[in-house]
Amino acid sequence: MAPRFWTTLCALTFGSTVLAAPQLAPRATESLDTWLASEVPFAKEGILDNIGSDGAYAKSSKSGIVIASPSTSNPDCES
């Protein structure tokens, strides 16, 4: 997935140069490593919450089962 991201990013940069569009200014104020360090705990917790029977959203699932969603209707993703 990372190579596609960089290819797309390069294509977008090249496209804006060819069309004489203004250059995009970076919005990030911190490094990717800093952002990842703060994001990883939230992402990990979200994943673990969907693993039965200890996960917050998968209490009724058997131990070790990973659920797609805590939804139990339209569609029932927990079964």
PDB file of N, CA and C in Angstrom:
ATOM      1  N   MET A   1       0.811  -1.180   0.000  1.00  0.00           N
ATOM      2  CA  MET A   1       0.000   0.000   0.000  1.00  0.00           C
ATOM      3  C   MET A   1       0.862   1.254   0.000  1.00  0.00           C
ATOM      4  N   ALA A   2       1.991   1.242   0.684  1.00  0.00           N
ATOM      5  CA  ALA A   2       2.852   2.415   0.748  1.00  0.00           C
ATOM      6  C   ALA A   2       3.348   2.850  -0.628  1.00  0.00           C
ATOM      7  N   PRO A   3       3.764   1.921  -1.522  1.00  0.00           N
ATOM      8  CA  PRO A   3       4.199   2.376  -2.848  1.00  0.00           C
ATOM      9  C   PRO A   3       3.090   3.096  -3.611  1.00  0.00           C
ATOM     10  N   ARG A   4       1.848   2.612  -3.495  1.00  0.00           N
ATOM     11  CA  ARG A   4       0.738   3.287  -4.172  1.00  0.00           C
ATOM     12  C   ARG A   4       0.548   4.691  -3.632  1.00  0.00           C
ATOM     13  N   PHE A   5       0.690   4.853  -2.331  1.00  0.00           N
ATOM     14  CA  PHE A   5       0.540   6.167  -1.713  1.00  0.00           C
ATOM     15  C   PHE A   5       1.554   7.140  -2.290  1.00  0.00           C
ATOM     16  N   TRP A   6       2.824   6.731  -2.340  1.00  0.00           N
ATOM     17  CA  TRP A   6       3.864   7.629  -2.848  1.00  0.00           C
ATOM     18  C   TRP A   6       3.692   7.899  -4.330  1.00  0.00           C
ATOM     19  N   THR A   7       3.271   6.900  -5.084  1.00  0.00           N
ATOM     20  CA  THR A   7       3.011   7.113  -6.510  1.00  0.00           C
ATOM     21  C   THR A   7       1.898   8.124  -6.697  1.00  0.00           C
ATOM     22  N   THR A   8       0.834   7.990  -5.919  1.00  0.00           N
ATOM     23  CA  THR A   8      -0.283   8.934  -5.999  1.00  0.00           C
ATOM     24  C   THR A   8       0.157  10.317  -5.583  1.00  0.00           C
ATOM     25  N   LEU A   9       0.922  10.409  -4.522  1.00  0.00           N
ATOM     26  CA  LEU A   9       1.399  11.697  -4.053  1.00  0.00           C
ATOM     27  C   LEU A   9       2.266  12.372  -5.110  1.00  0.00           C
ATOM     28  N   CYS A  10       3.159  11.618  -5.735  1.00  0.00           N
ATOM     29  CA  CYS A  10       3.999  12.175  -6.797  1.00  0.00           C
ATOM     30  C   CYS A  10       3.150  12.622  -7.981  1.00  0.00           C
ATOM     31  N   ALA A  11       2.160  11.817  -8.356  1.00  0.00           N
ATOM     32  CA  ALA A  11       1.284  12.178  -9.478  1.00  0.00           C
ATOM     33  C   ALA A  11       0.516  13.457  -9.169  1.00  0.00           C
ATOM     34  N   LEU A  12       0.022  13.594  -7.941  1.00  0.00           N
ATOM     35  CA  LEU A  12      -0.699  14.806  -7.563  1.00  0.00           C
ATOM     36  C   LEU A  12       0.218  16.029  -7.607  1.00  0.00           C
ATOM     37  N   THR A  13       1.434  15.879  -7.128  1.00  0.00           N
ATOM     38  CA  THR A  13       2.386  16.987  -7.145  1.00  0.00           C
ATOM     39  C   THR A  13       2.717  17.364  -8.571  1.00  0.00           C
ATOM     40  N   PHE A  14       2.989  16.377  -9.407  1.00  0.00           N
ATOM     41  CA  PHE A  14       3.293  16.626 -10.807  1.00  0.00           C
ATOM     42  C   PHE A  14       2.106  17.282 -11.499  1.00  0.00           C
ATOM     43  N   GLY A  15       0.912  16.778 -11.228  1.00  0.00           N
ATOM     44  CA  GLY A  15      -0.296  17.327 -11.847  1.00  0.00           C
ATOM     45  C   GLY A  15      -0.516  18.775 -11.474  1.00  0.00           C
ATOM     46  N   SER A  16      -0.273  19.138 -10.230  1.00  0.00           N
ATOM     47  CA  SER A  16      -0.485  20.529  -9.831  1.00  0.00           C
ATOM     48  C   SER A  16       0.562  21.438 -10.452  1.00  0.00           C
ATOM     49  N   THR A  17       1.773  20.922 -10.687  1.00  0.00           N
ATOM     50  CA  THR A  17       2.811  21.722 -11.325  1.00  0.00           C
ATOM     51  C   THR A  17       2.466  21.963 -12.787  1.00  0.00           C
ATOM     52  N   VAL A  18       2.013  20.920 -13.473  1.00  0.00           N
ATOM     53  CA  VAL A  18       1.666  21.038 -14.887  1.00  0.00           C
ATOM     54  C   VAL A  18       0.513  22.005 -15.092  1.00  0.00           C
ATOM     55  N   LEU A  19      -0.456  21.974 -14.208  1.00  0.00           N
ATOM     56  CA  LEU A  19      -1.624  22.839 -14.345  1.00  0.00           C
ATOM     57  C   LEU A  19      -1.397  24.226 -13.761  1.00  0.00           C
ATOM     58  N   ALA A  20      -0.194  24.500 -13.297  1.00  0.00           N
ATOM     59  CA  ALA A  20       0.168  25.784 -12.697  1.00  0.00           C
ATOM     60  C   ALA A  20      -0.707  26.110 -11.487  1.00  0.00           C
ATOM     61  N   ALA A  21      -1.137  25.091 -10.793  1.00  0.00           N
ATOM     62  CA  ALA A  21      -1.916  25.277  -9.569  1.00  0.00           C
ATOM     63  C   ALA A  21      -0.959  25.651  -8.447  1.00  0.00           C
ATOM     64  N   PRO A  22      -1.451  26.316  -7.442  1.00  0.00           N
ATOM     65  CA  PRO A  22      -0.571  26.659  -6.314  1.00  0.00           C
ATOM     66  C   PRO A  22      -0.048  25.394  -5.643  1.00  0.00           C
ATOM     67  N   GLN A  23       1.163  25.460  -5.165  1.00  0.00           N
ATOM     68  CA  GLN A  23       1.751  24.314  -4.472  1.00  0.00           C
ATOM     69  C   GLN A  23       1.053  24.116  -3.134  1.00  0.00           C
ATOM     70  N   LEU A  24       0.874  22.857  -2.773  1.00  0.00           N
ATOM     71  CA  LEU A  24       0.240  22.533  -1.499  1.00  0.00           C
ATOM     72  C   LEU A  24       1.238  22.725  -0.368  1.00  0.00           C
ATOM     73  N   ALA A  25       0.794  23.358   0.672  1.00  0.00           N
ATOM     74  CA  ALA A  25       1.640  23.541   1.851  1.00  0.00           C
ATOM     75  C   ALA A  25       1.315  22.443   2.850  1.00  0.00           C
ATOM     76  N   PRO A  26       2.323  21.839   3.464  1.00  0.00           N
ATOM     77  CA  PRO A  26       2.048  20.789   4.451  1.00  0.00           C
ATOM     78  C   PRO A  26       1.277  21.360   5.638  1.00  0.00           C
ATOM     79  N   ARG A  27       0.283  20.591   6.101  1.00  0.00           N
ATOM     80  CA  ARG A  27      -0.521  21.011   7.252  1.00  0.00           C
ATOM     81  C   ARG A  27      -0.003  20.419   8.547  1.00  0.00           C
ATOM     82  N   ALA A  28       0.756  19.361   8.433  1.00  0.00           N
ATOM     83  CA  ALA A  28       1.238  18.688   9.646  1.00  0.00           C
ATOM     84  C   ALA A  28       2.274  19.553  10.352  1.00  0.00           C
ATOM     85  N   THR A  29       2.186  19.567  11.649  1.00  0.00           N
ATOM     86  CA  THR A  29       3.152  20.319  12.432  1.00  0.00           C
ATOM     87  C   THR A  29       4.099  19.398  13.191  1.00  0.00           C
ATOM     88  N   GLU A  30       3.881  18.105  13.047  1.00  0.00           N
ATOM     89  CA  GLU A  30       4.748  17.150  13.722  1.00  0.00           C
ATOM     90  C   GLU A  30       5.145  16.064  12.739  1.00  0.00           C
ATOM     91  N   SER A  31       6.122  15.276  13.108  1.00  0.00           N
ATOM     92  CA  SER A  31       6.608  14.221  12.218  1.00  0.00           C
ATOM     93  C   SER A  31       5.636  13.040  12.199  1.00  0.00           C
ATOM     94  N   LEU A  32       5.772  12.217  11.182  1.00  0.00           N
ATOM     95  CA  LEU A  32       4.943  11.011  11.082  1.00  0.00           C
ATOM     96  C   LEU A  32       5.196  10.098  12.274  1.00  0.00           C
ATOM     97  N   ASP A  33       6.432   9.988  12.689  1.00  0.00           N
ATOM     98  CA  ASP A  33       6.759   9.132  13.840  1.00  0.00           C
ATOM     99  C   ASP A  33       6.057   9.608  15.108  1.00  0.00           C
ATOM    100  N   THR A  34       5.983  10.917  15.298  1.00  0.00           N
ATOM    101  CA  THR A  34       5.293  11.467  16.465  1.00  0.00           C
ATOM    102  C   THR A  34       3.814  11.154  16.403  1.00  0.00           C
ATOM    103  N   TRP A  35       3.222  11.325  15.222  1.00  0.00           N
ATOM    104  CA  TRP A  35       1.794  11.051  15.053  1.00  0.00           C
ATOM    105  C   TRP A  35       1.510   9.567  15.285  1.00  0.00           C
ATOM    106  N   LEU A  36       2.341   8.694  14.703  1.00  0.00           N
ATOM    107  CA  LEU A  36       2.140   7.250  14.885  1.00  0.00           C
ATOM    108  C   LEU A  36       2.245   6.859  16.355  1.00  0.00           C
ATOM    109  N   ALA A  37       3.186   7.440  17.060  1.00  0.00           N
ATOM    110  CA  ALA A  37       3.357   7.107  18.485  1.00  0.00           C
ATOM    111  C   ALA A  37       2.101   7.451  19.284  1.00  0.00           C
ATOM    112  N   SER A  38       1.404   8.515  18.892  1.00  0.00           N
ATOM    113  CA  SER A  38       0.189   8.867  19.618  1.00  0.00           C
ATOM    114  C   SER A  38      -1.025   8.091  19.115  1.00  0.00           C
ATOM    115  N   GLU A  39      -1.006   7.624  17.883  1.00  0.00           N
ATOM    116  CA  GLU A  39      -2.154   6.946  17.290  1.00  0.00           C
ATOM    117  C   GLU A  39      -2.190   5.449  17.589  1.00  0.00           C
ATOM    118  N   VAL A  40      -1.045   4.807  17.686  1.00  0.00           N
ATOM    119  CA  VAL A  40      -0.960   3.353  17.866  1.00  0.00           C
ATOM    120  C   VAL A  40      -1.763   2.844  19.064  1.00  0.00           C
ATOM    121  N   PRO A  41      -1.688   3.471  20.238  1.00  0.00           N
ATOM    122  CA  PRO A  41      -2.475   2.946  21.367  1.00  0.00           C
ATOM    123  C   PRO A  41      -3.984   2.936  21.092  1.00  0.00           C
ATOM    124  N   PHE A  42      -4.510   3.966  20.432  1.00  0.00           N
ATOM    125  CA  PHE A  42      -5.937   4.017  20.118  1.00  0.00           C
ATOM    126  C   PHE A  42      -6.314   2.948  19.102  1.00  0.00           C
ATOM    127  N   ALA A  43      -5.487   2.780  18.079  1.00  0.00           N
ATOM    128  CA  ALA A  43      -5.766   1.777  17.052  1.00  0.00           C
ATOM    129  C   ALA A  43      -5.711   0.370  17.640  1.00  0.00           C
ATOM    130  N   LYS A  44      -4.710   0.112  18.465  1.00  0.00           N
ATOM    131  CA  LYS A  44      -4.560  -1.209  19.089  1.00  0.00           C
ATOM    132  C   LYS A  44      -5.760  -1.521  19.979  1.00  0.00           C
ATOM    133  N   GLU A  45      -6.194  -0.549  20.764  1.00  0.00           N
ATOM    134  CA  GLU A  45      -7.348  -0.753  21.643  1.00  0.00           C
ATOM    135  C   GLU A  45      -8.606  -1.032  20.827  1.00  0.00           C
ATOM    136  N   GLY A  46      -8.764  -0.315  19.701  1.00  0.00           N
ATOM    137  CA  GLY A  46      -9.913  -0.543  18.836  1.00  0.00           C
ATOM    138  C   GLY A  46      -9.943  -1.958  18.278  1.00  0.00           C
ATOM    139  N   ILE A  47      -8.801  -2.473  17.918  1.00  0.00           N
ATOM    140  CA  ILE A  47      -8.712  -3.846  17.407  1.00  0.00           C
ATOM    141  C   ILE A  47      -9.018  -4.840  18.516  1.00  0.00           C
ATOM    142  N   LEU A  48      -8.407  -4.655  19.666  1.00  0.00           N
ATOM    143  CA  LEU A  48      -8.615  -5.585  20.775  1.00  0.00           C
ATOM    144  C   LEU A  48     -10.063  -5.584  21.275  1.00  0.00           C
ATOM    145  N   ASP A  49     -10.742  -4.450  21.152  1.00  0.00           N
ATOM    146  CA  ASP A  49     -12.146  -4.373  21.573  1.00  0.00           C
ATOM    147  C   ASP A  49     -13.043  -5.287  20.741  1.00  0.00           C
ATOM    148  N   ASN A  50     -12.617  -5.669  19.546  1.00  0.00           N
ATOM    149  CA  ASN A  50     -13.426  -6.508  18.665  1.00  0.00           C
ATOM    150  C   ASN A  50     -13.027  -7.981  18.699  1.00  0.00           C
ATOM    151  N   ILE A  51     -12.258  -8.372  19.688  1.00  0.00           N
ATOM    152  CA  ILE A  51     -11.850  -9.774  19.825  1.00  0.00           C
ATOM    153  C   ILE A  51     -12.551 -10.358  21.047  1.00  0.00           C
ATOM    154  N   GLY A  52     -13.343 -11.432  20.836  1.00  0.00           N
ATOM    155  CA  GLY A  52     -14.095 -12.061  21.930  1.00  0.00           C
ATOM    156  C   GLY A  52     -13.191 -12.923  22.773  1.00  0.00           C
ATOM    157  N   SER A  53     -13.511 -13.170  23.932  1.00  0.00           N
ATOM    158  CA  SER A  53     -14.614 -12.782  24.766  1.00  0.00           C
ATOM    159  C   SER A  53     -14.256 -11.626  25.679  1.00  0.00           C
ATOM    160  N   ASP A  54     -13.021 -11.167  25.644  1.00  0.00           N
ATOM    161  CA  ASP A  54     -12.589 -10.080  26.513  1.00  0.00           C
ATOM    162  C   ASP A  54     -12.774  -8.695  25.904  1.00  0.00           C
ATOM    163  N   GLY A  55     -13.000  -8.617  24.597  1.00  0.00           N
ATOM    164  CA  GLY A  55     -13.138  -7.327  23.938  1.00  0.00           C
ATOM    165  C   GLY A  55     -14.402  -6.604  24.356  1.00  0.00           C
ATOM    166  N   ALA A  56     -14.322  -5.295  24.480  1.00  0.00           N
ATOM    167  CA  ALA A  56     -15.449  -4.483  24.949  1.00  0.00           C
ATOM    168  C   ALA A  56     -16.678  -4.629  24.054  1.00  0.00           C
ATOM    169  N   TYR A  57     -16.467  -4.851  22.765  1.00  0.00           N
ATOM    170  CA  TYR A  57     -17.592  -4.944  21.833  1.00  0.00           C
ATOM    171  C   TYR A  57     -17.871  -6.376  21.384  1.00  0.00           C
ATOM    172  N   ALA A  58     -17.177  -7.348  21.956  1.00  0.00           N
ATOM    173  CA  ALA A  58     -17.317  -8.732  21.513  1.00  0.00           C
ATOM    174  C   ALA A  58     -17.548  -9.676  22.691  1.00  0.00           C
ATOM    175  N   LYS A  59     -18.235  -9.218  23.709  1.00  0.00           N
ATOM    176  CA  LYS A  59     -18.440 -10.026  24.920  1.00  0.00           C
ATOM    177  C   LYS A  59     -19.177 -11.335  24.641  1.00  0.00           C
ATOM    178  N   SER A  60     -20.109 -11.329  23.705  1.00  0.00           N
ATOM    179  CA  SER A  60     -20.885 -12.545  23.455  1.00  0.00           C
ATOM    180  C   SER A  60     -20.209 -13.486  22.458  1.00  0.00           C
ATOM    181  N   SER A  61     -19.087 -13.075  21.888  1.00  0.00           N
ATOM    182  CA  SER A  61     -18.368 -13.930  20.932  1.00  0.00           C
ATOM    183  C   SER A  61     -17.465 -14.903  21.669  1.00  0.00           C
ATOM    184  N   LYS A  62     -17.176 -16.020  21.024  1.00  0.00           N
ATOM    185  CA  LYS A  62     -16.274 -16.993  21.626  1.00  0.00           C
ATOM    186  C   LYS A  62     -14.866 -16.425  21.687  1.00  0.00           C
ATOM    187  N   SER A  63     -14.098 -16.903  22.638  1.00  0.00           N
ATOM    188  CA  SER A  63     -12.743 -16.433  22.850  1.00  0.00           C
ATOM    189  C   SER A  63     -11.916 -16.544  21.569  1.00  0.00           C
ATOM    190  N   GLY A  64     -11.256 -15.446  21.203  1.00  0.00           N
ATOM    191  CA  GLY A  64     -10.383 -15.437  20.032  1.00  0.00           C
ATOM    192  C   GLY A  64     -11.055 -15.069  18.722  1.00  0.00           C
ATOM    193  N   ILE A  65     -12.382 -15.039  18.685  1.00  0.00           N
ATOM    194  CA  ILE A  65     -13.098 -14.673  17.467  1.00  0.00           C
ATOM    195  C   ILE A  65     -13.017 -13.167  17.274  1.00  0.00           C
ATOM    196  N   VAL A  66     -12.670 -12.746  16.059  1.00  0.00           N
ATOM    197  CA  VAL A  66     -12.613 -11.321  15.734  1.00  0.00           C
ATOM    198  C   VAL A  66     -13.899 -10.951  15.012  1.00  0.00           C
ATOM    199  N   ILE A  67     -14.618  -9.978  15.551  1.00  0.00           N
ATOM    200  CA  ILE A  67     -15.860  -9.546  14.916  1.00  0.00           C
ATOM    201  C   ILE A  67     -15.577  -8.340  14.015  1.00  0.00           C
ATOM    202  N   ALA A  68     -16.360  -8.219  12.945  1.00  0.00           N
ATOM    203  CA  ALA A  68     -16.195  -7.105  12.020  1.00  0.00           C
ATOM    204  C   ALA A  68     -16.762  -5.825  12.599  1.00  0.00           C
ATOM    205  N   SER A  69     -17.815  -5.954  13.378  1.00  0.00           N
ATOM    206  CA  SER A  69     -18.511  -4.800  13.929  1.00  0.00           C
ATOM    207  C   SER A  69     -19.355  -5.260  15.109  1.00  0.00           C
ATOM    208  N   PRO A  70     -19.583  -4.384  16.065  1.00  0.00           N
ATOM    209  CA  PRO A  70     -20.441  -4.777  17.181  1.00  0.00           C
ATOM    210  C   PRO A  70     -21.927  -4.780  16.814  1.00  0.00           C
ATOM    211  N   SER A  71     -22.267  -4.450  15.581  1.00  0.00           N
ATOM    212  CA  SER A  71     -23.664  -4.423  15.156  1.00  0.00           C
ATOM    213  C   SER A  71     -24.314  -5.802  15.270  1.00  0.00           C
ATOM    214  N   THR A  72     -25.519  -5.862  15.776  1.00  0.00           N
ATOM    215  CA  THR A  72     -26.230  -7.137  15.884  1.00  0.00           C
ATOM    216  C   THR A  72     -27.511  -7.135  15.066  1.00  0.00           C
ATOM    217  N   SER A  73     -27.695  -6.119  14.224  1.00  0.00           N
ATOM    218  CA  SER A  73     -28.854  -6.095  13.339  1.00  0.00           C
ATOM    219  C   SER A  73     -28.524  -5.299  12.069  1.00  0.00           C
ATOM    220  N   ASN A  74     -29.053  -5.746  10.985  1.00  0.00           N
ATOM    221  CA  ASN A  74     -28.960  -5.084   9.668  1.00  0.00           C
ATOM    222  C   ASN A  74     -27.563  -4.627   9.277  1.00  0.00           C
ATOM    223  N   PRO A  75     -26.609  -5.445   9.062  1.00  0.00           N
ATOM    224  CA  PRO A  75     -26.534  -6.899   9.245  1.00  0.00           C
ATOM    225  C   PRO A  75     -25.990  -7.254  10.634  1.00  0.00           C
ATOM    226  N   ASP A  76     -26.208  -8.491  11.001  1.00  0.00           N
ATOM    227  CA  ASP A  76     -25.691  -8.999  12.269  1.00  0.00           C
ATOM    228  C   ASP A  76     -24.234  -9.386  12.051  1.00  0.00           C
ATOM    229  N   CYS A  77     -23.322  -8.483  12.387  1.00  0.00           N
ATOM    230  CA  CYS A  77     -21.890  -8.711  12.153  1.00  0.00           C
ATOM    231  C   CYS A  77     -21.213  -9.497  13.264  1.00  0.00           C
ATOM    232  N   GLU A  78     -21.899  -9.695  14.379  1.00  0.00           N
ATOM    233  CA  GLU A  78     -21.269 -10.346  15.508  1.00  0.00           C
ATOM    234  C   GLU A  78     -21.350 -11.874  15.419  1.00  0.00           C
ATOM    235  N   SER A  79     -22.308 -12.411  14.729  1.00  0.00           N
ATOM    236  CA  SER A  79     -22.469 -13.867  14.677  1.00  0.00           C
ATOM    237  C   SER A  79     -21.399 -14.526  13.849  1.00  0.00           C
TER     238      SER A  79
END
